Amino acid sequence: SCAASGSIFSIIAMGWYRQAPGKQRELVAG
């Protein structure tokens, strides 16, 4: 889960990235 809080008018897009040791950060899903 990813909960956003604060001064939010709208969320245009949301995504998940992952970072493993020795690997580049990659986009998992958006």
PDB file of all heavy atoms in Angstrom:
ATOM      1  N   SER A   1       0.834  -1.186   0.000  1.00  0.00           N
ATOM      2  CA  SER A   1       0.000   0.000   0.000  1.00  0.00           C
ATOM      3  C   SER A   1       0.871   1.239   0.000  1.00  0.00           C
ATOM      4  O   SER A   1       1.957   1.249   0.580  1.00  0.00           O
ATOM      5  CB  SER A   1      -0.915   0.031   1.231  1.00  0.00           C
ATOM      6  OG  SER A   1      -1.803  -1.060   1.244  1.00  0.00           O
ATOM      7  N   CYS A   2       0.385   2.283  -0.644  1.00  0.00           N
ATOM      8  CA  CYS A   2       1.063   3.576  -0.672  1.00  0.00           C
ATOM      9  C   CYS A   2       0.038   4.647  -0.350  1.00  0.00           C
ATOM     10  O   CYS A   2      -0.825   4.954  -1.181  1.00  0.00           O
ATOM     11  CB  CYS A   2       1.693   3.817  -2.041  1.00  0.00           C
ATOM     12  SG  CYS A   2       2.435   5.452  -2.239  1.00  0.00           S
ATOM     13  N   ALA A   3       0.115   5.198   0.847  1.00  0.00           N
ATOM     14  CA  ALA A   3      -0.838   6.202   1.296  1.00  0.00           C
ATOM     15  C   ALA A   3      -0.242   7.595   1.168  1.00  0.00           C
ATOM     16  O   ALA A   3       0.810   7.880   1.751  1.00  0.00           O
ATOM     17  CB  ALA A   3      -1.248   5.937   2.741  1.00  0.00           C
ATOM     18  N   ALA A   4      -0.906   8.451   0.426  1.00  0.00           N
ATOM     19  CA  ALA A   4      -0.473   9.832   0.256  1.00  0.00           C
ATOM     20  C   ALA A   4      -1.264  10.739   1.184  1.00  0.00           C
ATOM     21  O   ALA A   4      -2.477  10.584   1.337  1.00  0.00           O
ATOM     22  CB  ALA A   4      -0.657  10.277  -1.193  1.00  0.00           C
ATOM     23  N   SER A   5      -0.583  11.686   1.796  1.00  0.00           N
ATOM     24  CA  SER A   5      -1.245  12.620   2.699  1.00  0.00           C
ATOM     25  C   SER A   5      -0.623  14.001   2.565  1.00  0.00           C
ATOM     26  O   SER A   5       0.479  14.148   2.046  1.00  0.00           O
ATOM     27  CB  SER A   5      -1.163  12.138   4.152  1.00  0.00           C
ATOM     28  OG  SER A   5       0.186  12.068   4.581  1.00  0.00           O
ATOM     29  N   GLY A   6      -1.331  15.005   3.066  1.00  0.00           N
ATOM     30  CA  GLY A   6      -0.855  16.372   2.993  1.00  0.00           C
ATOM     31  C   GLY A   6      -1.721  17.213   2.084  1.00  0.00           C
ATOM     32  O   GLY A   6      -2.915  16.974   1.945  1.00  0.00           O
ATOM     33  N   SER A   7      -1.112  18.218   1.479  1.00  0.00           N
ATOM     34  CA  SER A   7      -1.834  19.133   0.592  1.00  0.00           C
ATOM     35  C   SER A   7      -1.958  18.518  -0.793  1.00  0.00           C
ATOM     36  O   SER A   7      -1.098  18.712  -1.651  1.00  0.00           O
ATOM     37  CB  SER A   7      -1.118  20.481   0.527  1.00  0.00           C
ATOM     38  OG  SER A   7      -1.034  21.088   1.808  1.00  0.00           O
ATOM     39  N   ILE A   8      -3.034  17.784  -0.992  1.00  0.00           N
ATOM     40  CA  ILE A   8      -3.257  17.077  -2.248  1.00  0.00           C
ATOM     41  C   ILE A   8      -4.523  17.574  -2.920  1.00  0.00           C
ATOM     42  O   ILE A   8      -5.606  17.497  -2.340  1.00  0.00           O
ATOM     43  CB  ILE A   8      -3.360  15.563  -2.014  1.00  0.00           C
ATOM     44  CG1 ILE A   8      -2.074  15.023  -1.389  1.00  0.00           C
ATOM     45  CG2 ILE A   8      -3.666  14.844  -3.329  1.00  0.00           C
ATOM     46  CD1 ILE A   8      -2.166  13.586  -0.950  1.00  0.00           C
ATOM     47  N   PHE A   9      -4.370  18.082  -4.128  1.00  0.00           N
ATOM     48  CA  PHE A   9      -5.527  18.436  -4.932  1.00  0.00           C
ATOM     49  C   PHE A   9      -5.933  17.252  -5.804  1.00  0.00           C
ATOM     50  O   PHE A   9      -7.103  16.895  -5.882  1.00  0.00           O
ATOM     51  CB  PHE A   9      -5.262  19.677  -5.796  1.00  0.00           C
ATOM     52  CG  PHE A   9      -6.423  20.063  -6.662  1.00  0.00           C
ATOM     53  CD1 PHE A   9      -7.508  20.724  -6.124  1.00  0.00           C
ATOM     54  CD2 PHE A   9      -6.446  19.756  -8.015  1.00  0.00           C
ATOM     55  CE1 PHE A   9      -8.593  21.079  -6.913  1.00  0.00           C
ATOM     56  CE2 PHE A   9      -7.519  20.104  -8.815  1.00  0.00           C
ATOM     57  CZ  PHE A   9      -8.601  20.770  -8.259  1.00  0.00           C
ATOM     58  N   SER A  10      -4.956  16.650  -6.445  1.00  0.00           N
ATOM     59  CA  SER A  10      -5.212  15.473  -7.250  1.00  0.00           C
ATOM     60  C   SER A  10      -3.917  14.701  -7.454  1.00  0.00           C
ATOM     61  O   SER A  10      -2.834  15.271  -7.449  1.00  0.00           O
ATOM     62  CB  SER A  10      -5.832  15.834  -8.599  1.00  0.00           C
ATOM     63  OG  SER A  10      -4.929  16.596  -9.386  1.00  0.00           O
ATOM     64  N   ILE A  11      -4.055  13.405  -7.624  1.00  0.00           N
ATOM     65  CA  ILE A  11      -2.922  12.546  -7.937  1.00  0.00           C
ATOM     66  C   ILE A  11      -2.995  12.213  -9.424  1.00  0.00           C
ATOM     67  O   ILE A  11      -3.929  11.549  -9.867  1.00  0.00           O
ATOM     68  CB  ILE A  11      -2.943  11.263  -7.093  1.00  0.00           C
ATOM     69  CG1 ILE A  11      -2.843  11.621  -5.608  1.00  0.00           C
ATOM     70  CG2 ILE A  11      -1.814  10.331  -7.506  1.00  0.00           C
ATOM     71  CD1 ILE A  11      -2.922  10.425  -4.682  1.00  0.00           C
ATOM     72  N   ILE A  12      -2.015  12.689 -10.163  1.00  0.00           N
ATOM     73  CA  ILE A  12      -2.009  12.517 -11.601  1.00  0.00           C
ATOM     74  C   ILE A  12      -1.635  11.089 -11.983  1.00  0.00           C
ATOM     75  O   ILE A  12      -2.224  10.489 -12.887  1.00  0.00           O
ATOM     76  CB  ILE A  12      -1.047  13.506 -12.278  1.00  0.00           C
ATOM     77  CG1 ILE A  12      -1.385  14.945 -11.845  1.00  0.00           C
ATOM     78  CG2 ILE A  12      -1.102  13.368 -13.792  1.00  0.00           C
ATOM     79  CD1 ILE A  12      -2.801  15.366 -12.152  1.00  0.00           C
ATOM     80  N   ALA A  13      -0.650  10.554 -11.283  1.00  0.00           N
ATOM     81  CA  ALA A  13      -0.198   9.200 -11.565  1.00  0.00           C
ATOM     82  C   ALA A  13       0.506   8.638 -10.343  1.00  0.00           C
ATOM     83  O   ALA A  13       1.014   9.386  -9.503  1.00  0.00           O
ATOM     84  CB  ALA A  13       0.739   9.175 -12.771  1.00  0.00           C
ATOM     85  N   MET A  14       0.539   7.334 -10.260  1.00  0.00           N
ATOM     86  CA  MET A  14       1.217   6.673  -9.163  1.00  0.00           C
ATOM     87  C   MET A  14       1.903   5.429  -9.700  1.00  0.00           C
ATOM     88  O   MET A  14       1.381   4.762 -10.599  1.00  0.00           O
ATOM     89  CB  MET A  14       0.228   6.314  -8.052  1.00  0.00           C
ATOM     90  CG  MET A  14       0.846   5.650  -6.832  1.00  0.00           C
ATOM     91  SD  MET A  14      -0.352   5.475  -5.472  1.00  0.00           S
ATOM     92  CE  MET A  14      -0.430   7.167  -4.879  1.00  0.00           C
ATOM     93  N   GLY A  15       3.067   5.135  -9.156  1.00  0.00           N
ATOM     94  CA  GLY A  15       3.788   3.974  -9.625  1.00  0.00           C
ATOM     95  C   GLY A  15       4.621   3.328  -8.534  1.00  0.00           C
ATOM     96  O   GLY A  15       4.844   3.904  -7.471  1.00  0.00           O
ATOM     97  N   TRP A  16       5.066   2.130  -8.828  1.00  0.00           N
ATOM     98  CA  TRP A  16       5.934   1.378  -7.939  1.00  0.00           C
ATOM     99  C   TRP A  16       7.247   1.086  -8.641  1.00  0.00           C
ATOM    100  O   TRP A  16       7.267   0.622  -9.786  1.00  0.00           O
ATOM    101  CB  TRP A  16       5.281   0.066  -7.509  1.00  0.00           C
ATOM    102  CG  TRP A  16       4.109   0.252  -6.598  1.00  0.00           C
ATOM    103  CD1 TRP A  16       2.807   0.366  -6.947  1.00  0.00           C
ATOM    104  CD2 TRP A  16       4.156   0.339  -5.175  1.00  0.00           C
ATOM    105  NE1 TRP A  16       2.022   0.515  -5.828  1.00  0.00           N
ATOM    106  CE2 TRP A  16       2.823   0.504  -4.730  1.00  0.00           C
ATOM    107  CE3 TRP A  16       5.178   0.288  -4.235  1.00  0.00           C
ATOM    108  CZ2 TRP A  16       2.498   0.626  -3.378  1.00  0.00           C
ATOM    109  CZ3 TRP A  16       4.860   0.410  -2.892  1.00  0.00           C
ATOM    110  CH2 TRP A  16       3.534   0.579  -2.482  1.00  0.00           C
ATOM    111  N   TYR A  17       8.334   1.366  -7.951  1.00  0.00           N
ATOM    112  CA  TYR A  17       9.675   1.045  -8.413  1.00  0.00           C
ATOM    113  C   TYR A  17      10.294   0.057  -7.439  1.00  0.00           C
ATOM    114  O   TYR A  17       9.847  -0.088  -6.304  1.00  0.00           O
ATOM    115  CB  TYR A  17      10.548   2.294  -8.477  1.00  0.00           C
ATOM    116  CG  TYR A  17      10.145   3.289  -9.544  1.00  0.00           C
ATOM    117  CD1 TYR A  17       9.036   4.107  -9.382  1.00  0.00           C
ATOM    118  CD2 TYR A  17      10.892   3.413 -10.716  1.00  0.00           C
ATOM    119  CE1 TYR A  17       8.670   5.020 -10.353  1.00  0.00           C
ATOM    120  CE2 TYR A  17      10.539   4.327 -11.694  1.00  0.00           C
ATOM    121  CZ  TYR A  17       9.425   5.129 -11.502  1.00  0.00           C
ATOM    122  OH  TYR A  17       9.077   6.037 -12.476  1.00  0.00           O
ATOM    123  N   ARG A  18      11.338  -0.622  -7.882  1.00  0.00           N
ATOM    124  CA  ARG A  18      12.071  -1.481  -6.966  1.00  0.00           C
ATOM    125  C   ARG A  18      13.564  -1.368  -7.211  1.00  0.00           C
ATOM    126  O   ARG A  18      14.010  -1.106  -8.323  1.00  0.00           O
ATOM    127  CB  ARG A  18      11.619  -2.939  -7.059  1.00  0.00           C
ATOM    128  CG  ARG A  18      11.918  -3.641  -8.376  1.00  0.00           C
ATOM    129  CD  ARG A  18      11.296  -5.026  -8.365  1.00  0.00           C
ATOM    130  NE  ARG A  18      11.539  -5.765  -9.590  1.00  0.00           N
ATOM    131  CZ  ARG A  18      10.970  -6.924  -9.887  1.00  0.00           C
ATOM    132  NH1 ARG A  18      10.118  -7.489  -9.027  1.00  0.00           N
ATOM    133  NH2 ARG A  18      11.255  -7.540 -11.032  1.00  0.00           N
ATOM    134  N   GLN A  19      14.305  -1.545  -6.126  1.00  0.00           N
ATOM    135  CA  GLN A  19      15.755  -1.448  -6.153  1.00  0.00           C
ATOM    136  C   GLN A  19      16.346  -2.642  -5.423  1.00  0.00           C
ATOM    137  O   GLN A  19      16.105  -2.827  -4.232  1.00  0.00           O
ATOM    138  CB  GLN A  19      16.225  -0.156  -5.482  1.00  0.00           C
ATOM    139  CG  GLN A  19      17.718   0.034  -5.467  1.00  0.00           C
ATOM    140  CD  GLN A  19      18.189   0.982  -6.532  1.00  0.00           C
ATOM    141  OE1 GLN A  19      17.749   2.134  -6.588  1.00  0.00           O
ATOM    142  NE2 GLN A  19      19.073   0.515  -7.394  1.00  0.00           N
ATOM    143  N   ALA A  20      17.078  -3.459  -6.140  1.00  0.00           N
ATOM    144  CA  ALA A  20      17.759  -4.609  -5.560  1.00  0.00           C
ATOM    145  C   ALA A  20      19.258  -4.342  -5.543  1.00  0.00           C
ATOM    146  O   ALA A  20      19.770  -3.604  -6.388  1.00  0.00           O
ATOM    147  CB  ALA A  20      17.450  -5.870  -6.351  1.00  0.00           C
ATOM    148  N   PRO A  21      19.989  -4.932  -4.597  1.00  0.00           N
ATOM    149  CA  PRO A  21      21.435  -4.734  -4.534  1.00  0.00           C
ATOM    150  C   PRO A  21      22.119  -5.083  -5.846  1.00  0.00           C
ATOM    151  O   PRO A  21      21.870  -6.144  -6.420  1.00  0.00           O
ATOM    152  CB  PRO A  21      21.876  -5.677  -3.413  1.00  0.00           C
ATOM    153  CG  PRO A  21      20.673  -5.796  -2.541  1.00  0.00           C
ATOM    154  CD  PRO A  21      19.512  -5.783  -3.493  1.00  0.00           C
ATOM    155  N   GLY A  22      22.955  -4.185  -6.334  1.00  0.00           N
ATOM    156  CA  GLY A  22      23.683  -4.422  -7.558  1.00  0.00           C
ATOM    157  C   GLY A  22      22.892  -4.226  -8.833  1.00  0.00           C
ATOM    158  O   GLY A  22      23.413  -4.483  -9.921  1.00  0.00           O
ATOM    159  N   LYS A  23      21.652  -3.784  -8.711  1.00  0.00           N
ATOM    160  CA  LYS A  23      20.815  -3.586  -9.882  1.00  0.00           C
ATOM    161  C   LYS A  23      20.308  -2.152  -9.964  1.00  0.00           C
ATOM    162  O   LYS A  23      20.234  -1.447  -8.956  1.00  0.00           O
ATOM    163  CB  LYS A  23      19.620  -4.537  -9.862  1.00  0.00           C
ATOM    164  CG  LYS A  23      19.985  -6.012  -9.963  1.00  0.00           C
ATOM    165  CD  LYS A  23      18.734  -6.871 -10.029  1.00  0.00           C
ATOM    166  CE  LYS A  23      19.081  -8.338 -10.180  1.00  0.00           C
ATOM    167  NZ  LYS A  23      17.856  -9.179 -10.252  1.00  0.00           N
ATOM    168  N   GLN A  24      19.964  -1.743 -11.160  1.00  0.00           N
ATOM    169  CA  GLN A  24      19.383  -0.423 -11.369  1.00  0.00           C
ATOM    170  C   GLN A  24      17.942  -0.396 -10.865  1.00  0.00           C
ATOM    171  O   GLN A  24      17.241  -1.409 -10.898  1.00  0.00           O
ATOM    172  CB  GLN A  24      19.413  -0.060 -12.853  1.00  0.00           C
ATOM    173  CG  GLN A  24      20.803   0.094 -13.447  1.00  0.00           C
ATOM    174  CD  GLN A  24      21.485   1.343 -12.970  1.00  0.00           C
ATOM    175  OE1 GLN A  24      20.889   2.419 -12.908  1.00  0.00           O
ATOM    176  NE2 GLN A  24      22.758   1.228 -12.634  1.00  0.00           N
ATOM    177  N   ARG A  25      17.517   0.767 -10.410  1.00  0.00           N
ATOM    178  CA  ARG A  25      16.133   0.933 -10.028  1.00  0.00           C
ATOM    179  C   ARG A  25      15.259   0.794 -11.274  1.00  0.00           C
ATOM    180  O   ARG A  25      15.577   1.351 -12.333  1.00  0.00           O
ATOM    181  CB  ARG A  25      15.916   2.299  -9.375  1.00  0.00           C
ATOM    182  CG  ARG A  25      14.484   2.560  -8.934  1.00  0.00           C
ATOM    183  CD  ARG A  25      14.358   3.897  -8.242  1.00  0.00           C
ATOM    184  NE  ARG A  25      15.121   3.928  -7.001  1.00  0.00           N
ATOM    185  CZ  ARG A  25      15.242   4.994  -6.215  1.00  0.00           C
ATOM    186  NH1 ARG A  25      14.641   6.124  -6.561  1.00  0.00           N
ATOM    187  NH2 ARG A  25      15.961   4.926  -5.111  1.00  0.00           N
ATOM    188  N   GLU A  26      14.189   0.048 -11.156  1.00  0.00           N
ATOM    189  CA  GLU A  26      13.320  -0.166 -12.299  1.00  0.00           C
ATOM    190  C   GLU A  26      11.865   0.114 -11.958  1.00  0.00           C
ATOM    191  O   GLU A  26      11.431  -0.069 -10.816  1.00  0.00           O
ATOM    192  CB  GLU A  26      13.452  -1.608 -12.820  1.00  0.00           C
ATOM    193  CG  GLU A  26      12.963  -2.673 -11.860  1.00  0.00           C
ATOM    194  CD  GLU A  26      12.908  -4.059 -12.473  1.00  0.00           C
ATOM    195  OE1 GLU A  26      12.774  -4.164 -13.718  1.00  0.00           O
ATOM    196  OE2 GLU A  26      12.997  -5.045 -11.717  1.00  0.00           O
ATOM    197  N   LEU A  27      11.132   0.537 -12.961  1.00  0.00           N
ATOM    198  CA  LEU A  27       9.701   0.728 -12.806  1.00  0.00           C
ATOM    199  C   LEU A  27       9.021  -0.628 -12.863  1.00  0.00           C
ATOM    200  O   LEU A  27       9.167  -1.368 -13.834  1.00  0.00           O
ATOM    201  CB  LEU A  27       9.158   1.637 -13.909  1.00  0.00           C
ATOM    202  CG  LEU A  27       7.638   1.832 -13.942  1.00  0.00           C
ATOM    203  CD1 LEU A  27       7.159   2.562 -12.695  1.00  0.00           C
ATOM    204  CD2 LEU A  27       7.224   2.589 -15.197  1.00  0.00           C
ATOM    205  N   VAL A  28       8.263  -0.944 -11.830  1.00  0.00           N
ATOM    206  CA  VAL A  28       7.550  -2.209 -11.755  1.00  0.00           C
ATOM    207  C   VAL A  28       6.165  -2.080 -12.369  1.00  0.00           C
ATOM    208  O   VAL A  28       5.745  -2.911 -13.178  1.00  0.00           O
ATOM    209  CB  VAL A  28       7.438  -2.692 -10.297  1.00  0.00           C
ATOM    210  CG1 VAL A  28       6.625  -3.983 -10.217  1.00  0.00           C
ATOM    211  CG2 VAL A  28       8.821  -2.905  -9.699  1.00  0.00           C
ATOM    212  N   ALA A  29       5.445  -1.046 -11.960  1.00  0.00           N
ATOM    213  CA  ALA A  29       4.089  -0.832 -12.445  1.00  0.00           C
ATOM    214  C   ALA A  29       3.701   0.616 -12.254  1.00  0.00           C
ATOM    215  O   ALA A  29       4.161   1.276 -11.326  1.00  0.00           O
ATOM    216  CB  ALA A  29       3.097  -1.740 -11.708  1.00  0.00           C
ATOM    217  N   GLY A  30       2.837   1.117 -13.130  1.00  0.00           N
ATOM    218  CA  GLY A  30       2.360   2.473 -13.026  1.00  0.00           C
ATOM    219  C   GLY A  30       0.897   2.560 -13.408  1.00  0.00           C
ATOM    220  O   GLY A  30       0.391   1.723 -14.166  1.00  0.00           O
TER     221      GLY A  30
END
